[in-house]
Amino acid sequence: MNIIKTEIPEVMIFEPKVFGDDRGFFFESFSQRIFEDAVGHKVEFVQDNHSKSVKGVLRGLHYQLAPHAQGKLVRCVAGEVFDVAVDIRKSSATFGQWVGANLSAANKRQLWIPEGFAHGFLVLSDSAEFVYKTTNYYAANSEQGIIWNDKSLNICWPLSDEPVLSSKDSLANTFSNAIHFE
């Protein structure tokens, strides 16, 4: 497993070693030991989620407040997405900064997004299936969102047209009005 650091040290890309031949391929998609060695602490995943979206759908930027904050290990198992993590920890040196990565069925990369980050993705292919592990259960009363096109964040989404949003995502808070982590 190749661990790739991003501009925000806590957000990491996990790139598996793929063994393939004319029959297909094999790779280890997750190892608790390798993962915890990379992130530097014990992590317990409690829930797996799976979504399917069509081209141009943008989901996010989502997060949950404490005590229901979620770390997420995300990957795209069909198609391709542009995945984004935004640091919303006020005490962080990277507060308000974002990182983005292309995740696809072809590159098999995963992105680790720790607690204290907002998360979103844009579907680049005709459709995409997105799966992720979370460190906490979904709690509707703790769910929060930041608008995808917040001017202060200036996320460089690879868009040619307006994205397709849920009504909830289209009404999300601006970064300055959002509730942040301490």
N, C-alpha and C. Protein backbone atom coordinates (compact mmCIF):
# COMPACT_ATOMS: atom_id res chain seq x y z
N MET A 1 0.86 -1.18 0.00
CA MET A 1 0.00 0.00 0.00
C MET A 1 0.90 1.24 0.00
N ASN A 2 0.63 2.13 -0.93
CA ASN A 2 1.37 3.38 -1.02
C ASN A 2 0.54 4.46 -0.32
N ILE A 3 1.11 5.15 0.67
CA ILE A 3 0.41 6.22 1.37
C ILE A 3 0.94 7.54 0.82
N ILE A 4 0.03 8.36 0.30
CA ILE A 4 0.38 9.64 -0.31
C ILE A 4 -0.11 10.76 0.58
N LYS A 5 0.81 11.60 1.04
CA LYS A 5 0.45 12.75 1.86
C LYS A 5 -0.14 13.85 0.97
N THR A 6 -1.08 14.61 1.51
CA THR A 6 -1.66 15.74 0.80
C THR A 6 -1.16 17.03 1.46
N GLU A 7 -1.63 18.16 0.96
CA GLU A 7 -1.23 19.46 1.52
C GLU A 7 -1.73 19.63 2.96
N ILE A 8 -2.74 18.87 3.33
CA ILE A 8 -3.22 18.85 4.73
C ILE A 8 -2.76 17.51 5.30
N PRO A 9 -1.80 17.50 6.21
CA PRO A 9 -1.14 16.27 6.64
C PRO A 9 -2.06 15.15 7.12
N GLU A 10 -3.19 15.50 7.75
CA GLU A 10 -4.09 14.47 8.28
C GLU A 10 -4.91 13.78 7.20
N VAL A 11 -5.04 14.41 6.04
CA VAL A 11 -5.79 13.83 4.93
C VAL A 11 -4.80 13.08 4.05
N MET A 12 -5.06 11.78 3.83
CA MET A 12 -4.11 10.94 3.10
C MET A 12 -4.81 10.15 2.02
N ILE A 13 -4.03 9.87 0.96
CA ILE A 13 -4.49 9.00 -0.12
C ILE A 13 -3.84 7.64 0.07
N PHE A 14 -4.64 6.59 0.03
CA PHE A 14 -4.16 5.21 0.11
C PHE A 14 -4.28 4.60 -1.27
N GLU A 15 -3.14 4.20 -1.83
CA GLU A 15 -3.10 3.64 -3.17
C GLU A 15 -2.63 2.19 -3.08
N PRO A 16 -3.49 1.25 -3.45
CA PRO A 16 -3.12 -0.16 -3.29
C PRO A 16 -2.15 -0.63 -4.36
N LYS A 17 -1.46 -1.71 -4.04
CA LYS A 17 -0.65 -2.42 -5.03
C LYS A 17 -1.59 -3.41 -5.71
N VAL A 18 -1.74 -3.25 -7.01
CA VAL A 18 -2.68 -4.08 -7.78
C VAL A 18 -1.89 -5.14 -8.53
N PHE A 19 -2.33 -6.39 -8.41
CA PHE A 19 -1.73 -7.51 -9.11
C PHE A 19 -2.72 -7.97 -10.16
N GLY A 20 -2.34 -7.81 -11.43
CA GLY A 20 -3.27 -8.15 -12.49
C GLY A 20 -2.62 -8.96 -13.59
N ASP A 21 -3.47 -9.67 -14.29
CA ASP A 21 -3.06 -10.41 -15.48
C ASP A 21 -4.30 -10.53 -16.38
N ASP A 22 -4.24 -11.40 -17.38
CA ASP A 22 -5.35 -11.50 -18.33
C ASP A 22 -6.64 -12.04 -17.70
N ARG A 23 -6.56 -12.55 -16.48
CA ARG A 23 -7.76 -13.05 -15.78
C ARG A 23 -8.50 -11.94 -15.05
N GLY A 24 -7.78 -10.86 -14.72
CA GLY A 24 -8.36 -9.78 -13.93
C GLY A 24 -7.32 -9.20 -12.99
N PHE A 25 -7.75 -8.85 -11.77
CA PHE A 25 -6.81 -8.27 -10.81
C PHE A 25 -7.17 -8.68 -9.40
N PHE A 26 -6.22 -8.43 -8.49
CA PHE A 26 -6.40 -8.61 -7.05
C PHE A 26 -5.67 -7.47 -6.37
N PHE A 27 -6.27 -6.94 -5.30
CA PHE A 27 -5.56 -6.01 -4.42
C PHE A 27 -6.18 -6.04 -3.04
N GLU A 28 -5.36 -5.73 -2.07
CA GLU A 28 -5.83 -5.60 -0.69
C GLU A 28 -6.40 -4.20 -0.56
N SER A 29 -7.71 -4.09 -0.33
CA SER A 29 -8.34 -2.76 -0.27
C SER A 29 -8.25 -2.12 1.11
N PHE A 30 -8.03 -2.91 2.14
CA PHE A 30 -7.93 -2.34 3.48
C PHE A 30 -7.15 -3.26 4.40
N SER A 31 -6.26 -2.67 5.19
CA SER A 31 -5.54 -3.36 6.25
C SER A 31 -5.57 -2.45 7.48
N GLN A 32 -6.18 -2.91 8.54
CA GLN A 32 -6.27 -2.12 9.77
C GLN A 32 -4.89 -1.70 10.26
N ARG A 33 -3.94 -2.62 10.23
CA ARG A 33 -2.59 -2.34 10.71
C ARG A 33 -1.92 -1.25 9.88
N ILE A 34 -1.94 -1.39 8.56
CA ILE A 34 -1.31 -0.39 7.70
C ILE A 34 -2.01 0.96 7.84
N PHE A 35 -3.33 0.94 7.90
CA PHE A 35 -4.11 2.17 8.04
C PHE A 35 -3.75 2.89 9.34
N GLU A 36 -3.78 2.18 10.47
CA GLU A 36 -3.50 2.82 11.76
C GLU A 36 -2.05 3.28 11.86
N ASP A 37 -1.12 2.54 11.26
CA ASP A 37 0.28 3.00 11.23
C ASP A 37 0.38 4.33 10.48
N ALA A 38 -0.36 4.46 9.40
CA ALA A 38 -0.31 5.69 8.60
C ALA A 38 -0.95 6.87 9.32
N VAL A 39 -2.12 6.66 9.93
CA VAL A 39 -2.81 7.79 10.58
C VAL A 39 -2.28 8.07 11.98
N GLY A 40 -1.58 7.11 12.56
CA GLY A 40 -0.92 7.34 13.85
C GLY A 40 -1.76 7.11 15.08
N HIS A 41 -2.92 6.50 14.94
CA HIS A 41 -3.76 6.19 16.11
C HIS A 41 -4.77 5.11 15.75
N LYS A 42 -5.39 4.55 16.77
CA LYS A 42 -6.40 3.51 16.56
C LYS A 42 -7.65 4.13 15.97
N VAL A 43 -8.22 3.44 14.98
CA VAL A 43 -9.45 3.89 14.33
C VAL A 43 -10.40 2.70 14.25
N GLU A 44 -11.63 2.94 14.67
CA GLU A 44 -12.65 1.89 14.59
C GLU A 44 -13.73 2.34 13.62
N PHE A 45 -13.93 1.56 12.58
CA PHE A 45 -15.01 1.85 11.63
C PHE A 45 -16.26 1.11 12.07
N VAL A 46 -17.41 1.79 12.00
CA VAL A 46 -18.66 1.21 12.50
C VAL A 46 -19.76 1.11 11.45
N GLN A 47 -19.55 1.75 10.30
CA GLN A 47 -20.62 1.77 9.30
C GLN A 47 -20.00 1.86 7.91
N ASP A 48 -20.56 1.14 6.95
CA ASP A 48 -20.18 1.26 5.54
C ASP A 48 -21.37 1.83 4.78
N ASN A 49 -21.11 2.77 3.87
CA ASN A 49 -22.15 3.40 3.06
C ASN A 49 -21.81 3.22 1.59
N HIS A 50 -22.85 3.22 0.74
CA HIS A 50 -22.67 3.02 -0.69
C HIS A 50 -23.69 3.91 -1.40
N SER A 51 -23.21 4.76 -2.31
CA SER A 51 -24.13 5.60 -3.09
C SER A 51 -23.83 5.47 -4.57
N LYS A 52 -24.84 5.72 -5.37
CA LYS A 52 -24.67 5.77 -6.82
C LYS A 52 -25.23 7.10 -7.29
N SER A 53 -24.48 7.76 -8.16
CA SER A 53 -24.90 9.07 -8.68
C SER A 53 -24.55 9.16 -10.15
N VAL A 54 -25.24 10.05 -10.85
CA VAL A 54 -24.98 10.26 -12.27
C VAL A 54 -24.05 11.46 -12.47
N LYS A 55 -23.55 11.59 -13.68
CA LYS A 55 -22.60 12.66 -14.02
C LYS A 55 -23.14 14.03 -13.63
N GLY A 56 -22.27 14.83 -13.04
CA GLY A 56 -22.63 16.19 -12.66
C GLY A 56 -23.22 16.33 -11.28
N VAL A 57 -23.54 15.22 -10.61
CA VAL A 57 -24.06 15.30 -9.24
C VAL A 57 -22.92 15.70 -8.31
N LEU A 58 -23.21 16.67 -7.47
CA LEU A 58 -22.26 17.09 -6.43
C LEU A 58 -22.94 16.84 -5.09
N ARG A 59 -22.31 16.02 -4.26
CA ARG A 59 -22.82 15.73 -2.92
C ARG A 59 -21.89 16.38 -1.92
N GLY A 60 -22.45 17.23 -1.06
CA GLY A 60 -21.61 17.86 -0.04
C GLY A 60 -21.73 19.37 -0.09
N LEU A 61 -21.02 19.93 0.78
CA LEU A 61 -19.97 19.46 1.69
C LEU A 61 -20.61 19.08 3.02
N HIS A 62 -20.49 17.83 3.43
CA HIS A 62 -21.18 17.30 4.60
C HIS A 62 -20.23 17.02 5.76
N TYR A 63 -20.79 17.10 6.97
CA TYR A 63 -20.09 16.66 8.17
C TYR A 63 -21.11 16.51 9.29
N GLN A 64 -20.69 15.88 10.37
CA GLN A 64 -21.53 15.74 11.56
C GLN A 64 -20.80 16.36 12.74
N LEU A 65 -21.56 17.01 13.60
CA LEU A 65 -21.01 17.63 14.80
C LEU A 65 -20.73 16.58 15.88
N ALA A 66 -19.81 16.91 16.79
CA ALA A 66 -19.55 16.07 17.95
C ALA A 66 -20.82 16.02 18.80
N PRO A 67 -21.11 14.94 19.45
CA PRO A 67 -20.27 13.75 19.63
C PRO A 67 -20.44 12.71 18.51
N HIS A 68 -21.01 13.12 17.38
CA HIS A 68 -21.27 12.19 16.28
C HIS A 68 -20.35 12.43 15.08
N ALA A 69 -19.26 13.17 15.28
CA ALA A 69 -18.33 13.46 14.19
C ALA A 69 -17.86 12.15 13.55
N GLN A 70 -17.66 12.19 12.24
CA GLN A 70 -17.27 11.00 11.50
C GLN A 70 -15.95 11.22 10.77
N GLY A 71 -15.05 10.25 10.91
CA GLY A 71 -13.94 10.12 9.98
C GLY A 71 -14.44 9.21 8.87
N LYS A 72 -13.93 9.43 7.64
CA LYS A 72 -14.40 8.64 6.50
C LYS A 72 -13.22 8.15 5.68
N LEU A 73 -13.26 6.90 5.30
CA LEU A 73 -12.33 6.33 4.34
C LEU A 73 -13.15 6.06 3.09
N VAL A 74 -12.93 6.85 2.03
CA VAL A 74 -13.82 6.86 0.87
C VAL A 74 -13.11 6.33 -0.37
N ARG A 75 -13.90 5.71 -1.26
CA ARG A 75 -13.36 5.29 -2.56
C ARG A 75 -14.48 5.16 -3.57
N CYS A 76 -14.09 5.21 -4.83
CA CYS A 76 -15.02 5.08 -5.95
C CYS A 76 -14.80 3.72 -6.57
N VAL A 77 -15.82 2.86 -6.58
CA VAL A 77 -15.67 1.50 -7.08
C VAL A 77 -16.20 1.33 -8.51
N ALA A 78 -16.89 2.34 -9.03
CA ALA A 78 -17.34 2.35 -10.43
C ALA A 78 -17.36 3.80 -10.88
N GLY A 79 -16.72 4.09 -12.00
CA GLY A 79 -16.69 5.46 -12.50
C GLY A 79 -15.58 6.27 -11.87
N GLU A 80 -15.79 7.62 -11.82
CA GLU A 80 -14.78 8.53 -11.29
C GLU A 80 -15.43 9.74 -10.63
N VAL A 81 -14.84 10.17 -9.54
CA VAL A 81 -15.29 11.37 -8.83
C VAL A 81 -14.10 12.26 -8.51
N PHE A 82 -14.40 13.54 -8.30
CA PHE A 82 -13.44 14.47 -7.71
C PHE A 82 -13.88 14.64 -6.27
N ASP A 83 -13.02 14.24 -5.35
CA ASP A 83 -13.36 14.18 -3.93
C ASP A 83 -12.65 15.31 -3.18
N VAL A 84 -13.35 15.95 -2.24
CA VAL A 84 -12.82 17.12 -1.54
C VAL A 84 -13.00 16.98 -0.03
N ALA A 85 -11.95 17.38 0.69
CA ALA A 85 -12.00 17.48 2.16
C ALA A 85 -11.63 18.91 2.55
N VAL A 86 -12.44 19.52 3.43
CA VAL A 86 -12.22 20.89 3.89
C VAL A 86 -11.98 20.87 5.39
N ASP A 87 -10.88 21.46 5.82
CA ASP A 87 -10.55 21.52 7.25
C ASP A 87 -11.45 22.55 7.93
N ILE A 88 -12.28 22.10 8.87
CA ILE A 88 -13.19 23.01 9.59
C ILE A 88 -12.85 23.05 11.08
N ARG A 89 -11.59 22.75 11.41
CA ARG A 89 -11.11 22.80 12.80
C ARG A 89 -10.49 24.17 13.05
N LYS A 90 -11.15 24.99 13.88
CA LYS A 90 -10.68 26.35 14.14
C LYS A 90 -9.24 26.40 14.65
N SER A 91 -8.84 25.41 15.43
CA SER A 91 -7.51 25.42 16.04
C SER A 91 -6.41 24.91 15.10
N SER A 92 -6.78 24.52 13.89
CA SER A 92 -5.83 23.93 12.96
C SER A 92 -5.09 25.00 12.15
N ALA A 93 -3.83 24.73 11.85
CA ALA A 93 -3.04 25.62 10.98
C ALA A 93 -3.58 25.62 9.56
N THR A 94 -4.38 24.60 9.20
CA THR A 94 -4.93 24.51 7.84
C THR A 94 -6.44 24.79 7.82
N PHE A 95 -6.95 25.46 8.86
CA PHE A 95 -8.37 25.81 8.94
C PHE A 95 -8.81 26.55 7.67
N GLY A 96 -9.90 26.07 7.05
CA GLY A 96 -10.43 26.72 5.87
C GLY A 96 -9.76 26.31 4.57
N GLN A 97 -8.77 25.43 4.65
CA GLN A 97 -8.11 24.94 3.44
C GLN A 97 -8.76 23.64 2.99
N TRP A 98 -8.58 23.30 1.71
CA TRP A 98 -9.18 22.10 1.15
C TRP A 98 -8.15 21.34 0.33
N VAL A 99 -8.39 20.06 0.18
CA VAL A 99 -7.63 19.22 -0.74
C VAL A 99 -8.62 18.44 -1.58
N GLY A 100 -8.22 18.17 -2.81
CA GLY A 100 -9.06 17.40 -3.71
C GLY A 100 -8.25 16.30 -4.37
N ALA A 101 -8.93 15.21 -4.69
CA ALA A 101 -8.27 14.08 -5.35
C ALA A 101 -9.26 13.38 -6.26
N ASN A 102 -8.78 12.94 -7.42
CA ASN A 102 -9.60 12.11 -8.29
C ASN A 102 -9.54 10.68 -7.78
N LEU A 103 -10.70 10.12 -7.53
CA LEU A 103 -10.82 8.73 -7.11
C LEU A 103 -11.62 8.01 -8.18
N SER A 104 -11.15 6.83 -8.56
CA SER A 104 -11.85 6.12 -9.63
C SER A 104 -11.71 4.62 -9.47
N ALA A 105 -12.56 3.92 -10.20
CA ALA A 105 -12.44 2.46 -10.25
C ALA A 105 -11.10 2.08 -10.86
N ALA A 106 -10.60 2.90 -11.78
CA ALA A 106 -9.33 2.60 -12.43
C ALA A 106 -8.13 2.78 -11.51
N ASN A 107 -8.08 3.90 -10.74
CA ASN A 107 -6.89 4.12 -9.90
C ASN A 107 -7.01 3.46 -8.52
N LYS A 108 -8.21 3.06 -8.12
CA LYS A 108 -8.45 2.30 -6.89
C LYS A 108 -7.97 3.02 -5.63
N ARG A 109 -7.75 4.32 -5.71
CA ARG A 109 -7.30 5.10 -4.56
C ARG A 109 -8.43 5.32 -3.56
N GLN A 110 -8.03 5.47 -2.29
CA GLN A 110 -8.96 5.81 -1.22
C GLN A 110 -8.46 7.08 -0.55
N LEU A 111 -9.38 7.88 -0.03
CA LEU A 111 -9.01 9.11 0.67
C LEU A 111 -9.48 9.00 2.11
N TRP A 112 -8.57 9.27 3.04
CA TRP A 112 -8.90 9.31 4.47
C TRP A 112 -9.22 10.75 4.83
N ILE A 113 -10.43 10.95 5.36
CA ILE A 113 -10.92 12.26 5.79
C ILE A 113 -11.24 12.15 7.27
N PRO A 114 -10.37 12.69 8.14
CA PRO A 114 -10.60 12.54 9.59
C PRO A 114 -11.78 13.38 10.09
N GLU A 115 -12.15 13.13 11.33
CA GLU A 115 -13.14 13.97 12.00
C GLU A 115 -12.64 15.41 11.96
N GLY A 116 -13.57 16.36 11.87
CA GLY A 116 -13.18 17.77 11.82
C GLY A 116 -13.04 18.30 10.40
N PHE A 117 -13.49 17.52 9.42
CA PHE A 117 -13.44 17.93 8.03
C PHE A 117 -14.82 17.81 7.41
N ALA A 118 -15.14 18.74 6.50
CA ALA A 118 -16.33 18.62 5.67
C ALA A 118 -15.92 17.86 4.41
N HIS A 119 -16.84 17.12 3.83
CA HIS A 119 -16.52 16.24 2.71
C HIS A 119 -17.57 16.37 1.61
N GLY A 120 -17.10 16.33 0.37
CA GLY A 120 -18.00 16.32 -0.76
C GLY A 120 -17.33 15.72 -1.98
N PHE A 121 -18.16 15.36 -2.97
CA PHE A 121 -17.59 14.86 -4.22
C PHE A 121 -18.47 15.21 -5.40
N LEU A 122 -17.82 15.30 -6.57
CA LEU A 122 -18.47 15.59 -7.83
C LEU A 122 -18.26 14.40 -8.76
N VAL A 123 -19.34 13.91 -9.37
CA VAL A 123 -19.25 12.77 -10.29
C VAL A 123 -18.77 13.26 -11.65
N LEU A 124 -17.66 12.68 -12.13
CA LEU A 124 -17.05 13.07 -13.40
C LEU A 124 -17.44 12.13 -14.55
N SER A 125 -17.72 10.88 -14.25
CA SER A 125 -18.07 9.88 -15.26
C SER A 125 -19.59 9.86 -15.47
N ASP A 126 -20.06 9.06 -16.42
CA ASP A 126 -21.51 8.98 -16.67
C ASP A 126 -22.29 8.61 -15.41
N SER A 127 -21.72 7.74 -14.60
CA SER A 127 -22.26 7.43 -13.27
C SER A 127 -21.08 6.98 -12.41
N ALA A 128 -21.31 6.96 -11.12
CA ALA A 128 -20.25 6.53 -10.20
C ALA A 128 -20.88 5.88 -8.98
N GLU A 129 -20.21 4.84 -8.51
CA GLU A 129 -20.59 4.23 -7.23
C GLU A 129 -19.49 4.54 -6.24
N PHE A 130 -19.91 5.04 -5.09
CA PHE A 130 -19.01 5.59 -4.09
C PHE A 130 -19.27 4.83 -2.78
N VAL A 131 -18.22 4.29 -2.18
CA VAL A 131 -18.37 3.55 -0.93
C VAL A 131 -17.44 4.16 0.12
N TYR A 132 -17.88 4.11 1.36
CA TYR A 132 -17.02 4.65 2.41
C TYR A 132 -17.35 4.04 3.77
N LYS A 133 -16.28 3.95 4.55
CA LYS A 133 -16.35 3.51 5.93
C LYS A 133 -16.42 4.75 6.81
N THR A 134 -17.18 4.68 7.91
CA THR A 134 -17.25 5.81 8.83
C THR A 134 -16.89 5.36 10.25
N THR A 135 -16.37 6.31 11.01
CA THR A 135 -15.96 6.03 12.39
C THR A 135 -17.08 6.28 13.38
N ASN A 136 -18.22 6.75 12.91
CA ASN A 136 -19.37 6.97 13.79
C ASN A 136 -20.63 6.73 12.96
N TYR A 137 -21.71 6.45 13.64
CA TYR A 137 -22.98 6.20 12.98
C TYR A 137 -23.59 7.51 12.49
N TYR A 138 -24.40 7.42 11.46
CA TYR A 138 -25.13 8.58 10.98
C TYR A 138 -26.09 9.06 12.07
N ALA A 139 -26.10 10.37 12.30
CA ALA A 139 -27.00 10.98 13.29
C ALA A 139 -27.60 12.22 12.66
N ALA A 140 -28.85 12.13 12.23
CA ALA A 140 -29.51 13.22 11.50
C ALA A 140 -29.46 14.54 12.26
N ASN A 141 -29.58 14.48 13.59
CA ASN A 141 -29.60 15.72 14.38
C ASN A 141 -28.22 16.39 14.47
N SER A 142 -27.17 15.72 14.04
CA SER A 142 -25.82 16.30 14.05
C SER A 142 -25.33 16.67 12.66
N GLU A 143 -26.14 16.39 11.65
CA GLU A 143 -25.73 16.62 10.27
C GLU A 143 -25.64 18.11 9.95
N GLN A 144 -24.57 18.49 9.26
CA GLN A 144 -24.33 19.87 8.86
C GLN A 144 -23.83 19.91 7.42
N GLY A 145 -23.88 21.09 6.83
CA GLY A 145 -23.38 21.23 5.47
C GLY A 145 -22.85 22.63 5.20
N ILE A 146 -21.92 22.70 4.27
CA ILE A 146 -21.36 23.96 3.79
C ILE A 146 -21.61 24.00 2.28
N ILE A 147 -22.02 25.14 1.78
CA ILE A 147 -22.33 25.27 0.36
C ILE A 147 -21.10 24.98 -0.49
N TRP A 148 -21.30 24.24 -1.55
CA TRP A 148 -20.22 23.73 -2.40
C TRP A 148 -19.38 24.83 -3.03
N ASN A 149 -19.98 25.98 -3.32
CA ASN A 149 -19.28 27.04 -4.04
C ASN A 149 -18.96 28.24 -3.17
N ASP A 150 -18.73 28.02 -1.89
CA ASP A 150 -18.40 29.10 -0.97
C ASP A 150 -17.19 29.88 -1.49
N LYS A 151 -17.35 31.19 -1.58
CA LYS A 151 -16.30 32.06 -2.14
C LYS A 151 -15.02 32.04 -1.30
N SER A 152 -15.14 31.96 0.02
CA SER A 152 -13.94 31.99 0.86
C SER A 152 -13.13 30.70 0.76
N LEU A 153 -13.79 29.59 0.45
CA LEU A 153 -13.07 28.32 0.28
C LEU A 153 -12.44 28.23 -1.11
N ASN A 154 -13.13 28.76 -2.11
CA ASN A 154 -12.62 28.79 -3.49
C ASN A 154 -12.18 27.42 -3.98
N ILE A 155 -13.03 26.43 -3.80
CA ILE A 155 -12.72 25.06 -4.27
C ILE A 155 -12.76 25.04 -5.79
N CYS A 156 -11.75 24.47 -6.39
CA CYS A 156 -11.64 24.40 -7.85
C CYS A 156 -12.28 23.11 -8.35
N TRP A 157 -13.60 23.07 -8.32
CA TRP A 157 -14.33 21.91 -8.82
C TRP A 157 -14.14 21.83 -10.34
N PRO A 158 -13.88 20.67 -10.91
CA PRO A 158 -13.71 20.53 -12.36
C PRO A 158 -15.07 20.46 -13.07
N LEU A 159 -15.72 21.62 -13.15
CA LEU A 159 -17.08 21.74 -13.69
C LEU A 159 -17.10 22.48 -15.01
N SER A 160 -17.97 22.06 -15.90
CA SER A 160 -18.22 22.84 -17.11
C SER A 160 -19.63 23.44 -17.07
N ASP A 161 -20.51 22.85 -16.27
CA ASP A 161 -21.88 23.34 -16.08
C ASP A 161 -22.18 23.38 -14.59
N GLU A 162 -23.34 23.92 -14.26
CA GLU A 162 -23.78 23.91 -12.86
C GLU A 162 -23.97 22.46 -12.41
N PRO A 163 -23.57 22.13 -11.17
CA PRO A 163 -23.75 20.76 -10.70
C PRO A 163 -25.21 20.47 -10.36
N VAL A 164 -25.52 19.20 -10.28
CA VAL A 164 -26.84 18.74 -9.83
C VAL A 164 -26.75 18.56 -8.32
N LEU A 165 -27.58 19.29 -7.59
CA LEU A 165 -27.55 19.30 -6.12
C LEU A 165 -28.87 18.82 -5.54
N SER A 166 -28.80 18.26 -4.33
CA SER A 166 -30.03 18.01 -3.58
C SER A 166 -30.54 19.36 -3.07
N SER A 167 -31.82 19.43 -2.71
CA SER A 167 -32.34 20.68 -2.15
C SER A 167 -31.61 21.03 -0.86
N LYS A 168 -31.28 20.03 -0.06
CA LYS A 168 -30.54 20.26 1.19
C LYS A 168 -29.17 20.88 0.90
N ASP A 169 -28.45 20.34 -0.09
CA ASP A 169 -27.12 20.86 -0.39
C ASP A 169 -27.17 22.26 -1.00
N SER A 170 -28.22 22.55 -1.75
CA SER A 170 -28.33 23.89 -2.36
C SER A 170 -28.62 24.97 -1.32
N LEU A 171 -29.10 24.57 -0.14
CA LEU A 171 -29.42 25.51 0.94
C LEU A 171 -28.40 25.49 2.08
N ALA A 172 -27.27 24.85 1.88
CA ALA A 172 -26.27 24.71 2.95
C ALA A 172 -25.69 26.07 3.33
N ASN A 173 -25.11 26.11 4.53
CA ASN A 173 -24.50 27.33 5.07
C ASN A 173 -23.25 27.73 4.29
N THR A 174 -22.91 29.00 4.39
CA THR A 174 -21.60 29.44 3.93
C THR A 174 -20.57 28.99 4.96
N PHE A 175 -19.32 28.99 4.58
CA PHE A 175 -18.26 28.59 5.50
C PHE A 175 -18.26 29.47 6.74
N SER A 176 -18.41 30.79 6.58
CA SER A 176 -18.37 31.70 7.73
C SER A 176 -19.56 31.52 8.66
N ASN A 177 -20.70 31.04 8.16
CA ASN A 177 -21.88 30.82 8.99
C ASN A 177 -22.00 29.39 9.51
N ALA A 178 -21.14 28.50 9.05
CA ALA A 178 -21.20 27.11 9.47
C ALA A 178 -20.67 26.95 10.90
N ILE A 179 -21.11 25.89 11.55
CA ILE A 179 -20.58 25.56 12.87
C ILE A 179 -19.29 24.77 12.64
N HIS A 180 -18.21 25.24 13.25
CA HIS A 180 -16.89 24.63 13.07
C HIS A 180 -16.50 23.82 14.31
N PHE A 181 -15.50 23.00 14.16
CA PHE A 181 -14.92 22.26 15.28
C PHE A 181 -13.92 23.17 15.98
N GLU A 182 -13.71 22.96 17.26
CA GLU A 182 -12.73 23.78 18.01
C GLU A 182 -11.33 23.38 17.72
